[in-house]
Amino acid sequence: MSPDETPRLCKYLRAKTIGMHGDPRALWAMRNDSSAIYWCLLTMSPAGPDDRLVHVCDCGEERVCCIPAGRGAQRLNAQLRFRERAAT
């Protein structure tokens, strides 16, 4: 991936900065900002549904809980069922 390309980030990834509102390009642009605070809108915490920490470099399609923009609730339901099975 070239430095100008934005990976497919989870649509529930957010950063505590003014004016971000889930824009993947803006989130990706601040990936090296050491003062950025990230959280997941699904869990409303700094950990995602898979209990791993949320970060712009880690919240992509390779993560089991990632729901890229344009994907619906069907994938979310499947991921939550996966998590429930993994916990038992």
Protein backbone atom coordinates (compact mmCIF):
# COMPACT_ATOMS: atom_id res chain seq x y z
CA MET A 1 0.00 0.00 0.00
CA SER A 2 1.35 3.41 -0.89
CA PRO A 3 1.55 6.10 1.81
CA ASP A 4 -1.34 7.95 0.14
CA GLU A 5 -3.72 4.97 0.25
CA THR A 6 -6.16 4.61 3.11
CA PRO A 7 -6.83 1.06 4.32
CA ARG A 8 -10.39 -0.11 4.88
CA LEU A 9 -10.92 0.89 8.49
CA CYS A 10 -13.76 -0.18 10.74
CA LYS A 11 -16.68 2.22 10.53
CA TYR A 12 -16.95 2.18 14.33
CA LEU A 13 -13.41 3.50 14.91
CA ARG A 14 -13.28 7.00 16.37
CA ALA A 15 -10.60 9.37 17.64
CA LYS A 16 -10.94 12.03 20.29
CA THR A 17 -10.21 15.05 18.14
CA ILE A 18 -12.28 17.88 16.75
CA GLY A 19 -13.80 17.32 13.33
CA MET A 20 -12.93 13.65 12.81
CA HIS A 21 -16.42 12.06 12.86
CA GLY A 22 -15.20 8.74 11.46
CA ASP A 23 -13.57 10.02 8.25
CA PRO A 24 -11.17 7.16 7.37
CA ARG A 25 -8.74 9.46 5.53
CA ALA A 26 -8.52 11.84 8.50
CA LEU A 27 -8.11 8.94 10.95
CA TRP A 28 -5.38 7.38 8.82
CA ALA A 29 -3.57 10.72 8.47
CA MET A 30 -3.14 10.90 12.25
CA ARG A 31 -1.83 7.33 12.62
CA ASN A 32 1.56 8.59 13.85
CA ASP A 33 0.12 11.12 16.31
CA SER A 34 1.24 9.90 19.73
CA SER A 35 -1.40 11.95 21.54
CA ALA A 36 -4.42 10.50 19.67
CA ILE A 37 -7.00 8.67 21.75
CA TYR A 38 -9.04 6.03 19.90
CA TRP A 39 -12.21 4.20 20.87
CA CYS A 40 -14.79 1.85 19.46
CA LEU A 41 -18.41 2.95 19.07
CA LEU A 42 -19.60 -0.64 19.50
CA THR A 43 -18.09 -1.00 22.97
CA MET A 44 -17.80 2.71 23.80
CA SER A 45 -14.34 1.99 25.16
CA PRO A 46 -10.69 1.83 24.06
CA ALA A 47 -11.11 -1.92 23.47
CA GLY A 48 -13.03 -3.46 20.59
CA PRO A 49 -15.54 -6.35 20.74
CA ASP A 50 -12.59 -8.75 20.46
CA ASP A 51 -11.07 -7.24 23.65
CA ARG A 52 -8.04 -5.89 21.79
CA LEU A 53 -7.08 -2.22 22.02
CA VAL A 54 -8.45 0.11 19.36
CA HIS A 55 -5.95 1.92 17.12
CA VAL A 56 -6.07 3.21 13.58
CA CYS A 57 -3.25 0.85 12.56
CA ASP A 58 -5.06 -2.18 14.01
CA CYS A 59 -8.75 -1.64 13.19
CA GLY A 60 -8.82 -2.94 9.64
CA GLU A 61 -10.34 -5.89 7.80
CA GLU A 62 -7.85 -8.35 9.28
CA ARG A 63 -9.54 -7.94 12.67
CA VAL A 64 -12.51 -10.21 13.37
CA CYS A 65 -14.68 -7.40 14.74
CA CYS A 66 -13.98 -4.96 11.89
CA ILE A 67 -17.03 -3.76 9.97
CA PRO A 68 -15.79 -1.70 7.01
CA ALA A 69 -17.95 1.20 5.85
CA GLY A 70 -20.78 -0.08 3.69
CA ARG A 71 -21.14 -3.38 5.53
CA GLY A 72 -24.32 -3.97 7.48
CA ALA A 73 -25.63 -5.57 10.62
CA GLN A 74 -25.41 -9.11 9.18
CA ARG A 75 -21.64 -9.14 9.56
CA LEU A 76 -21.89 -7.59 13.03
CA ASN A 77 -24.30 -10.28 14.18
CA ALA A 78 -21.98 -13.00 12.88
CA GLN A 79 -19.03 -11.43 14.68
CA LEU A 80 -20.91 -11.14 17.95
CA ARG A 81 -21.94 -14.82 17.72
CA PHE A 82 -18.27 -15.69 17.09
CA ARG A 83 -17.27 -13.77 20.18
CA GLU A 84 -19.90 -15.49 22.31
CA ARG A 85 -18.70 -18.92 21.16
CA ALA A 86 -15.09 -18.00 21.82
CA ALA A 87 -15.95 -16.91 25.37
CA THR A 88 -17.53 -20.25 26.27
